[in-house]
Protein backbone atom coordinates (compact mmCIF):
# COMPACT_ATOMS: atom_id res chain seq x y z
CA MET A 1 -9.21 -102.03 22.22
CA PHE A 2 -12.07 -100.22 20.51
CA ASN A 3 -14.13 -100.19 23.71
CA TYR A 4 -11.10 -98.92 25.59
CA TYR A 5 -10.64 -96.10 23.09
CA LEU A 6 -14.31 -95.18 23.47
CA LYS A 7 -13.88 -95.02 27.22
CA ILE A 8 -10.80 -92.81 26.90
CA ALA A 9 -12.62 -90.57 24.40
CA TRP A 10 -15.56 -90.18 26.78
CA ILE A 11 -13.24 -89.24 29.68
CA SER A 12 -11.42 -86.72 27.46
CA ILE A 13 -14.70 -85.15 26.27
CA LEU A 14 -15.94 -84.75 29.85
CA ARG A 15 -12.59 -83.38 31.06
CA HIS A 16 -12.61 -80.67 28.38
CA TRP A 17 -16.38 -80.32 28.25
CA GLY A 18 -16.36 -76.64 27.27
CA LEU A 19 -14.17 -77.15 24.22
CA SER A 20 -16.03 -80.34 23.33
CA LEU A 21 -19.38 -78.55 23.57
CA LEU A 22 -18.16 -75.84 21.20
CA MET A 23 -17.18 -78.48 18.64
CA ILE A 24 -20.46 -80.36 19.01
CA CYS A 25 -22.41 -77.11 18.51
CA ALA A 26 -20.32 -76.17 15.46
CA ILE A 27 -20.89 -79.54 13.82
CA GLY A 28 -24.56 -79.55 14.87
CA LEU A 29 -25.22 -76.14 13.33
CA GLY A 30 -23.55 -77.15 10.08
CA ILE A 31 -25.36 -80.48 9.87
CA GLY A 32 -28.69 -78.88 10.82
CA ALA A 33 -28.45 -76.25 8.08
CA ALA A 34 -27.27 -78.74 5.48
CA MET A 35 -29.88 -81.39 6.27
CA THR A 36 -32.74 -78.88 6.21
CA THR A 37 -32.02 -77.94 2.60
CA ILE A 38 -30.94 -81.45 1.58
CA THR A 39 -34.23 -82.90 2.87
CA VAL A 40 -36.35 -80.35 1.01
CA ASN A 41 -34.42 -80.89 -2.24
CA TYR A 42 -34.46 -84.66 -1.78
CA LEU A 43 -38.23 -84.80 -1.35
CA MET A 44 -38.87 -82.27 -4.13
CA SER A 45 -36.83 -84.33 -6.59
CA ALA A 46 -37.94 -87.79 -5.38
CA ASP A 47 -39.44 -90.27 -7.83
CA PRO A 48 -43.19 -90.11 -7.03
CA ILE A 49 -44.00 -93.47 -8.66
CA PRO A 50 -40.67 -95.37 -8.79
CA HIS A 51 -41.96 -98.79 -9.86
CA LYS A 52 -43.33 -97.49 -13.17
CA SER A 53 -41.97 -93.98 -13.70
CA LYS A 54 -39.99 -95.19 -16.72
CA GLN A 55 -43.15 -96.51 -18.37
CA LEU A 56 -45.26 -93.35 -18.05
CA TYR A 57 -44.63 -90.71 -20.72
CA TYR A 58 -45.84 -87.15 -21.06
CA VAL A 59 -46.63 -86.18 -24.66
CA GLN A 60 -45.50 -82.88 -26.22
CA LEU A 61 -46.27 -81.66 -29.75
CA ASP A 62 -45.12 -78.37 -31.24
CA SER A 63 -48.27 -76.78 -32.62
CA TRP A 64 -47.12 -73.25 -31.81
CA ASP A 65 -46.70 -70.12 -33.93
CA VAL A 66 -44.15 -70.57 -36.71
CA ASN A 67 -42.83 -67.03 -36.20
CA ASP A 68 -42.76 -67.02 -32.40
CA PRO A 69 -41.52 -70.34 -30.97
CA PHE A 70 -42.70 -71.50 -27.56
CA ASP A 71 -40.03 -71.22 -24.83
CA GLU A 72 -37.71 -69.53 -27.35
CA GLY A 73 -37.58 -72.78 -29.31
CA LEU A 74 -35.88 -74.74 -26.53
CA ASN A 75 -38.92 -76.89 -25.78
CA PRO A 76 -42.28 -77.59 -27.43
CA PRO A 77 -45.42 -76.38 -25.60
CA ASP A 78 -45.98 -77.94 -22.19
CA GLN A 79 -49.64 -78.73 -22.97
CA LEU A 80 -51.74 -79.82 -25.95
CA THR A 81 -54.77 -78.44 -27.73
CA PHE A 82 -58.13 -80.06 -27.09
CA THR A 83 -58.14 -81.23 -30.73
CA ASP A 84 -54.80 -83.05 -30.44
CA THR A 85 -55.57 -84.60 -27.06
CA THR A 86 -58.92 -85.87 -28.35
CA ASN A 87 -57.38 -87.27 -31.54
CA LEU A 88 -54.58 -89.05 -29.68
CA TRP A 89 -57.02 -90.55 -27.18
CA ASN A 90 -59.37 -91.72 -29.93
CA ALA A 91 -56.46 -93.44 -31.70
CA GLN A 92 -55.84 -95.73 -28.67
CA LYS A 93 -52.29 -96.54 -29.82
CA ALA A 94 -50.71 -96.94 -26.38
CA PHE A 95 -51.07 -99.65 -23.76
CA ARG A 96 -52.89 -97.05 -21.68
CA GLN A 97 -53.60 -93.37 -22.38
CA ASN A 98 -55.02 -90.56 -20.32
CA ALA A 99 -56.43 -87.24 -21.50
CA GLN A 100 -56.91 -84.70 -18.72
CA ALA A 101 -57.35 -81.09 -17.70
CA GLN A 102 -57.89 -79.10 -14.52
CA ALA A 103 -61.53 -78.40 -13.64
CA ASN A 104 -63.66 -76.92 -10.89
CA GLY A 105 -67.28 -76.85 -9.83
CA VAL A 106 -69.80 -76.46 -7.04
CA ILE A 107 -71.44 -79.43 -5.33
CA GLU A 108 -74.95 -79.07 -3.99
CA PRO A 109 -75.15 -81.60 -1.09
CA ASN A 110 -78.18 -83.86 -0.78
CA ASP A 111 -78.40 -82.92 2.89
CA PRO A 112 -80.29 -79.60 3.06
CA GLU A 113 -78.38 -78.67 6.20
CA LEU A 114 -75.08 -78.58 4.29
CA LEU A 115 -74.09 -75.53 2.28
CA PRO A 116 -72.94 -75.81 -1.37
CA MET A 117 -69.21 -76.42 -1.56
CA SER A 118 -66.69 -75.33 -4.17
CA VAL A 119 -64.39 -78.16 -5.23
CA SER A 120 -61.28 -78.56 -7.34
CA GLY A 121 -61.63 -81.20 -10.02
CA ARG A 122 -59.81 -83.17 -12.65
CA ALA A 123 -61.42 -84.11 -15.92
CA ASN A 124 -59.66 -87.26 -17.07
CA THR A 125 -60.21 -90.51 -18.93
CA ALA A 126 -60.61 -93.92 -17.33
CA ASP A 127 -56.95 -95.00 -17.52
CA PHE A 128 -55.92 -92.19 -15.15
CA PHE A 129 -56.61 -94.28 -12.05
CA THR A 130 -54.75 -97.37 -13.24
CA MET A 131 -51.81 -95.50 -14.77
CA PHE A 132 -51.11 -93.45 -11.66
CA ASP A 133 -51.94 -96.16 -9.08
CA VAL A 134 -54.72 -94.18 -7.42
CA PRO A 135 -55.82 -96.03 -4.23
CA PHE A 136 -59.55 -96.60 -3.62
CA ILE A 137 -61.49 -97.02 -0.38
CA TYR A 138 -64.81 -97.78 -2.08
CA GLY A 139 -65.61 -98.73 -5.65
CA SER A 140 -63.22 -97.93 -8.49
CA GLY A 141 -62.76 -95.64 -11.45
CA TRP A 142 -65.14 -95.68 -14.39
CA THR A 143 -64.67 -97.81 -17.51
CA HIS A 144 -63.46 -96.92 -21.00
CA GLN A 145 -67.01 -97.37 -22.20
CA ALA A 146 -68.17 -94.68 -19.79
CA ASP A 147 -65.77 -92.29 -21.53
CA VAL A 148 -67.08 -93.29 -24.94
CA ASN A 149 -70.71 -92.93 -23.84
CA LYS A 150 -70.00 -89.65 -22.03
CA GLU A 151 -71.62 -90.95 -18.87
CA GLN A 152 -72.03 -88.56 -15.96
CA VAL A 153 -70.03 -90.46 -13.36
CA ILE A 154 -67.77 -89.12 -10.62
CA VAL A 155 -65.05 -90.22 -8.19
CA LEU A 156 -64.70 -88.42 -4.86
CA ASN A 157 -61.65 -88.11 -2.69
CA LYS A 158 -61.81 -89.17 0.97
CA VAL A 159 -62.15 -85.66 2.38
CA THR A 160 -65.07 -84.79 0.09
CA ASN A 161 -66.78 -88.11 0.83
CA ASP A 162 -66.37 -87.48 4.56
CA LYS A 163 -68.01 -84.07 4.24
CA LEU A 164 -70.92 -85.25 2.10
CA PHE A 165 -71.57 -88.76 3.42
CA GLY A 166 -69.82 -88.94 6.80
CA GLY A 167 -67.19 -91.31 5.42
CA GLU A 168 -69.69 -94.05 4.51
CA ASP A 169 -69.62 -96.02 1.27
CA SER A 170 -71.30 -93.63 -1.19
CA VAL A 171 -70.84 -95.73 -4.34
CA GLY A 172 -74.09 -95.81 -6.31
CA GLN A 173 -75.43 -92.60 -4.83
CA THR A 174 -75.76 -89.37 -6.81
CA ILE A 175 -74.66 -85.79 -6.24
CA LYS A 176 -75.44 -82.58 -8.06
CA LEU A 177 -72.40 -80.85 -9.57
CA ASP A 178 -72.90 -77.49 -11.28
CA GLY A 179 -76.58 -78.33 -11.59
CA ASN A 180 -75.95 -81.74 -13.22
CA VAL A 181 -76.55 -85.11 -11.58
CA PHE A 182 -73.51 -87.41 -11.38
CA LYS A 183 -73.39 -91.00 -10.17
CA ILE A 184 -70.63 -91.87 -7.69
CA VAL A 185 -68.57 -94.87 -8.82
CA GLY A 186 -65.63 -94.67 -6.43
CA VAL A 187 -63.99 -92.97 -3.44
CA ILE A 188 -60.21 -92.69 -3.35
CA ASP A 189 -58.08 -92.92 -0.22
CA GLN A 190 -55.59 -90.28 0.88
CA TRP A 191 -53.49 -89.73 -2.23
CA GLN A 192 -51.02 -86.90 -2.45
CA PRO A 193 -48.02 -87.66 -4.68
CA LYS A 194 -45.11 -85.30 -4.04
CA PRO A 195 -44.41 -83.81 -6.47
CA ARG A 196 -47.83 -83.93 -8.15
CA PHE A 197 -46.23 -85.27 -11.30
CA TYR A 198 -49.41 -85.91 -13.31
CA ASP A 199 -50.00 -82.15 -13.68
CA ILE A 200 -47.00 -79.89 -13.19
CA THR A 201 -48.61 -76.99 -15.07
CA THR A 202 -51.00 -76.09 -12.24
CA GLY A 203 -48.50 -76.58 -9.42
CA ALA A 204 -46.08 -79.40 -8.72
CA PHE A 205 -46.86 -79.35 -5.00
CA ASN A 206 -50.54 -78.48 -5.00
CA ASP A 207 -53.04 -80.80 -3.35
CA SER A 208 -54.64 -83.51 -5.43
CA GLU A 209 -58.20 -82.83 -6.57
CA ASP A 210 -61.45 -83.19 -4.65
CA ILE A 211 -63.36 -84.84 -7.51
CA PHE A 212 -62.64 -86.65 -10.79
CA VAL A 213 -65.01 -86.72 -13.77
CA PRO A 214 -64.76 -87.94 -17.37
CA PHE A 215 -62.73 -85.68 -19.69
CA SER A 216 -65.73 -85.33 -22.01
CA MET A 217 -67.63 -83.43 -19.31
CA ILE A 218 -65.66 -80.27 -20.15
CA ALA A 219 -66.68 -80.36 -23.81
CA GLU A 220 -70.26 -81.15 -22.74
CA GLN A 221 -70.06 -78.14 -20.39
CA LYS A 222 -71.12 -80.26 -17.42
CA ILE A 223 -68.19 -78.92 -15.37
CA GLY A 224 -66.12 -75.76 -15.45
CA ARG A 225 -62.63 -75.70 -16.93
CA SER A 226 -59.64 -74.20 -15.09
CA GLY A 227 -55.86 -74.38 -15.11
CA ASN A 228 -53.29 -72.71 -17.37
CA THR A 229 -54.33 -71.71 -20.89
CA ASN A 230 -52.05 -70.28 -23.58
CA CYS A 231 -53.08 -69.18 -27.07
CA TRP A 232 -50.99 -67.86 -29.93
CA LYS A 233 -53.88 -66.72 -32.10
CA PRO A 234 -57.51 -65.75 -31.44
CA SER A 235 -59.78 -68.67 -30.64
CA GLY A 236 -62.99 -67.20 -32.00
CA ASP A 237 -66.31 -66.55 -30.29
CA GLY A 238 -68.01 -69.14 -28.11
CA PHE A 239 -66.90 -72.27 -26.30
CA SER A 240 -67.20 -74.48 -29.40
CA ALA A 241 -64.73 -72.24 -31.24
CA PHE A 242 -62.38 -72.39 -28.24
CA LEU A 243 -62.38 -76.21 -28.30
CA VAL A 244 -61.16 -76.33 -31.92
CA SER A 245 -58.68 -73.47 -31.47
CA GLU A 246 -54.89 -73.64 -31.17
CA CYS A 247 -55.07 -72.84 -27.45
CA ILE A 248 -53.19 -75.32 -25.26
CA TRP A 249 -54.77 -76.34 -21.92
CA THR A 250 -54.90 -80.15 -21.83
CA GLN A 251 -52.37 -82.81 -20.87
CA PHE A 252 -51.87 -86.26 -22.35
CA TRP A 253 -50.05 -89.22 -20.76
CA VAL A 254 -49.36 -92.67 -22.19
CA GLU A 255 -48.13 -95.89 -20.59
CA LEU A 256 -45.63 -97.77 -22.75
CA LYS A 257 -44.17 -101.03 -21.45
CA THR A 258 -40.97 -101.33 -23.50
CA GLN A 259 -38.48 -99.21 -25.42
CA GLN A 260 -39.88 -100.65 -28.63
CA ASP A 261 -43.37 -99.50 -27.59
CA LYS A 262 -41.97 -96.01 -27.06
CA GLU A 263 -40.31 -95.95 -30.47
CA GLU A 264 -43.48 -97.18 -32.16
CA TYR A 265 -45.59 -94.57 -30.40
CA LEU A 266 -43.16 -91.81 -31.36
CA THR A 267 -43.44 -93.00 -34.96
CA PHE A 268 -47.22 -92.73 -34.63
CA LEU A 269 -46.89 -89.17 -33.27
CA ASN A 270 -44.68 -88.19 -36.20
CA ALA A 271 -47.20 -89.61 -38.65
CA TYR A 272 -50.02 -87.78 -36.86
CA VAL A 273 -48.21 -84.45 -37.09
CA GLU A 274 -47.47 -85.02 -40.78
CA GLU A 275 -51.17 -85.64 -41.33
CA GLN A 276 -52.08 -82.45 -39.47
CA LYS A 277 -49.60 -80.45 -41.55
CA ALA A 278 -51.76 -81.25 -44.56
CA TYR A 279 -54.57 -79.33 -42.84
CA GLY A 280 -52.38 -76.26 -42.39
CA ARG A 281 -51.39 -76.97 -38.79
CA PHE A 282 -48.01 -77.67 -37.17
CA LEU A 283 -46.07 -75.27 -39.39
CA ARG A 284 -42.98 -75.41 -37.18
CA PRO A 285 -40.24 -78.05 -37.57
CA MET A 286 -41.31 -81.35 -36.05
CA ASP A 287 -40.42 -81.64 -32.38
CA ASN A 288 -42.50 -84.40 -30.78
CA ARG A 289 -41.33 -85.61 -27.39
CA LEU A 290 -42.08 -88.41 -24.96
CA SER A 291 -40.69 -87.68 -21.50
CA ASN A 292 -40.89 -90.20 -18.69
CA VAL A 293 -41.84 -89.01 -15.22
CA MET A 294 -38.38 -88.04 -13.99
CA GLN A 295 -37.41 -86.48 -17.33
CA TRP A 296 -40.60 -84.41 -17.24
CA LEU A 297 -39.95 -83.24 -13.66
CA GLU A 298 -36.42 -82.23 -14.64
CA ASN A 299 -37.64 -80.50 -17.80
CA GLN A 300 -40.13 -78.46 -15.77
CA GLU A 301 -37.48 -77.61 -13.17
CA VAL A 302 -39.58 -78.83 -10.27
CA VAL A 303 -36.63 -78.25 -7.94
CA ALA A 304 -36.33 -74.46 -8.12
CA ASP A 305 -32.95 -72.80 -8.67
CA ASP A 306 -33.25 -70.88 -5.39
CA ALA A 307 -33.67 -74.18 -3.51
CA LYS A 308 -30.47 -75.50 -5.12
CA MET A 309 -28.71 -72.24 -4.24
CA MET A 310 -29.83 -72.53 -0.63
CA MET A 311 -28.45 -76.07 -0.47
CA ALA A 312 -25.10 -74.90 -1.88
CA MET A 313 -24.94 -72.10 0.68
CA SER A 314 -25.78 -74.49 3.52
CA PHE A 315 -22.89 -76.76 2.48
CA MET A 316 -20.58 -73.74 2.48
CA PHE A 317 -21.78 -72.99 6.01
CA LEU A 318 -21.05 -76.62 6.97
CA ILE A 319 -17.51 -76.28 5.61
CA VAL A 320 -16.99 -73.14 7.72
CA CYS A 321 -18.23 -75.00 10.79
CA LEU A 322 -15.86 -77.90 10.07
CA LEU A 323 -12.90 -75.53 9.67
CA ASN A 324 -13.71 -74.13 13.11
CA THR A 325 -13.87 -77.68 14.40
CA VAL A 326 -10.42 -78.38 12.94
CA GLY A 327 -9.03 -75.40 14.85
CA LEU A 328 -10.67 -76.45 18.10
CA LEU A 329 -9.47 -80.05 17.74
CA LEU A 330 -5.98 -78.80 17.00
CA ALA A 331 -5.99 -76.67 20.13
CA LYS A 332 -7.34 -79.55 22.21
CA PHE A 333 -4.94 -82.23 20.97
CA LEU A 334 -1.86 -80.01 21.07
CA GLY A 335 -2.82 -79.07 24.59
CA LYS A 336 -2.25 -82.71 25.45
CA ALA A 337 1.37 -82.58 24.27
CA PRO A 338 2.91 -83.51 27.67
CA GLU A 339 0.53 -86.45 28.04
CA ILE A 340 1.22 -87.63 24.48
CA GLY A 341 5.00 -87.34 25.01
CA LEU A 342 4.81 -89.39 28.23
CA ARG A 343 2.70 -92.10 26.58
CA GLN A 344 5.10 -92.35 23.66
CA ALA A 345 8.04 -92.66 26.07
CA LEU A 346 6.22 -95.53 27.79
CA GLY A 347 5.86 -97.37 24.48
CA ALA A 348 2.60 -96.15 22.89
CA SER A 349 2.88 -96.24 19.10
CA ARG A 350 1.76 -93.46 16.78
CA ALA A 351 -0.85 -95.81 15.30
CA THR A 352 -2.34 -96.33 18.77
CA LEU A 353 -2.49 -92.60 19.46
CA PHE A 354 -3.91 -91.90 16.01
CA SER A 355 -6.69 -94.44 16.48
CA GLN A 356 -7.57 -93.06 19.90
CA TYR A 357 -7.88 -89.43 18.77
CA ILE A 358 -9.73 -90.28 15.55
CA ILE A 359 -12.28 -92.20 17.63
CA GLU A 360 -12.59 -89.18 19.92
CA SER A 361 -13.22 -86.99 16.86
CA ALA A 362 -15.84 -89.46 15.64
CA CYS A 363 -17.62 -89.39 19.03
CA ILE A 364 -17.78 -85.60 18.89
CA GLY A 365 -19.09 -85.87 15.32
CA LEU A 366 -21.86 -88.28 16.29
CA ALA A 367 -22.93 -86.00 19.13
CA GLY A 368 -22.92 -83.11 16.67
CA GLY A 369 -24.97 -85.21 14.25
CA LEU A 370 -27.63 -85.86 16.89
CA LEU A 371 -27.78 -82.15 17.65
CA GLY A 372 -27.92 -81.49 13.90
CA LEU A 373 -30.98 -83.76 13.58
CA VAL A 374 -32.80 -81.74 16.22
CA LEU A 375 -31.85 -78.47 14.51
CA ALA A 376 -32.84 -79.86 11.10
CA TYR A 377 -36.22 -80.89 12.48
CA LEU A 378 -36.76 -77.40 13.87
CA GLY A 379 -35.56 -75.91 10.58
CA LEU A 380 -38.04 -78.00 8.58
CA ILE A 381 -40.87 -76.91 10.89
CA GLY A 382 -39.83 -73.34 10.20
CA VAL A 383 -39.77 -73.93 6.44
CA GLU A 384 -43.22 -75.51 6.53
CA SER A 385 -44.68 -72.67 8.60
CA LEU A 386 -43.08 -70.11 6.28
CA TYR A 387 -44.32 -71.63 3.01
CA GLY A 388 -47.55 -73.17 4.31
CA ASP A 389 -49.38 -75.75 2.22
CA TYR A 390 -46.75 -75.50 -0.54
CA MET A 391 -44.31 -77.42 1.66
CA GLN A 392 -46.91 -79.79 3.14
CA GLY A 393 -45.33 -83.24 3.19
CA LEU A 394 -41.93 -81.94 2.04
CA ALA A 395 -40.65 -80.80 5.42
CA THR A 396 -40.25 -84.18 7.11
CA LEU A 397 -37.20 -86.16 8.15
CA ASP A 398 -37.46 -89.77 7.08
CA SER A 399 -35.14 -92.61 8.11
CA THR A 400 -32.97 -92.14 5.02
CA MET A 401 -32.33 -88.50 5.89
CA MET A 402 -31.60 -89.35 9.54
CA ILE A 403 -29.03 -91.94 8.56
CA LEU A 404 -27.53 -89.52 6.04
CA ALA A 405 -27.25 -86.81 8.70
CA LEU A 406 -25.40 -89.08 11.13
CA ALA A 407 -23.15 -90.44 8.38
CA LEU A 408 -22.37 -86.92 7.17
CA ALA A 409 -21.55 -85.80 10.71
CA LEU A 410 -19.37 -88.86 11.33
CA VAL A 411 -17.43 -88.58 8.07
CA SER A 412 -17.04 -84.80 8.44
CA SER A 413 -15.71 -85.06 11.98
CA ILE A 414 -13.24 -87.81 11.05
CA ILE A 415 -11.96 -85.75 8.12
CA SER A 416 -11.75 -82.71 10.39
CA GLY A 417 -9.80 -84.72 12.94
CA ILE A 418 -7.15 -86.11 10.59
CA TYR A 419 -4.86 -83.07 10.56
CA PRO A 420 -5.07 -82.28 14.31
CA THR A 421 -4.51 -85.97 15.10
CA TRP A 422 -1.53 -86.16 12.74
CA ARG A 423 0.02 -83.09 14.38
CA ALA A 424 -0.55 -84.54 17.82
CA CYS A 425 1.02 -87.88 16.89
CA ASN A 426 4.17 -86.15 15.58
CA ILE A 427 5.03 -84.58 18.92
CA GLN A 428 8.61 -85.41 19.95
CA PRO A 429 8.50 -87.20 23.33
CA ALA A 430 12.06 -86.20 24.30
CA GLN A 431 11.30 -82.49 23.89
CA GLN A 432 8.13 -82.77 25.98
CA LEU A 433 9.86 -84.73 28.76
CA LYS A 434 12.68 -82.19 28.97
CA SER A 435 10.20 -79.35 29.24
CA GLN A 436 8.53 -81.14 32.15
């Protein structure tokens, strides 16, 4: 019977093609608008490292001004001082720990025909690559001992390696960065987590860095420092004074395997802050936090409020489109009143009629869903062209979103068809036959 109902639905859609086309367009427009914003929000809020996001924790300590709380006292500072990051890394209390900061520099290529190139960099410790599952084409990251010995080693990304060495294995070769010679130990593959969870402070959807060097290179002034910096009191003259100041510009991540590990590390943080209070620091009430990846993304409001508002408005537009569809279905089904009355007189049950017209509504919904996918794809292209690199990789329809679009269209059309179908099935056959 199902195949028969599909055949009848197809004949009905073709017979009233104008009305059917209006309904398909209405559903398609609603689905297209909704799926454009749903896809962007879905990808912006996706777990960037799902298999271990609950084991990676971002560390926050409240070292801010006692009289002027950071973020109005709602949250501790979003970064750490160089002093605290260095002390926590030296303690080595976690399974893995990574100290890091944004950096930049200029590479002087070995090939005299190539011009010097400005690069974005990340100064980090050795565990960065293992903690965040950074993929390598050649070589690997440096060792913990390289951090301790302050060795001048470097990891390139694929694009930088292609520019400097034509994509060949460059491990073991040297490059000059800001006038200092660094030895290449690894080349990473294409790696662009969305969002860029390991450093939200400099842009959740920025590109990953061109180069990676040991964190100590900033203190040794072998590479330039960049990124966000906030200070609540003067840092003093000179770079050495800045390093021991209360300015926050570094980030610290730890990998903790179990809940017990987390509790023990939080106990260590509390003890550390108590120790620092004895030196006249951390005058505010203790507020040490460990936020896993998804908690940190939520805390930093990676999905902007305007994006959520746009999604809400697109759903309202979908509802308006579905209400129009209800009206069109009602007009179509009630227009078949003589046919429905005749079929009931010949023995067709209300259940049979209901099934037939619900299937017809579902067919219209699926057609609208397919149109909605096309419109959503065009909408995402428009979003990407409007926002440029910011939306790179976020304006794509994956299989999950395609299935969701079709399911949403199908469910919406069935719901829209319930009332018109019910009205059509309650037509009195005797009244229709008399009128004929």
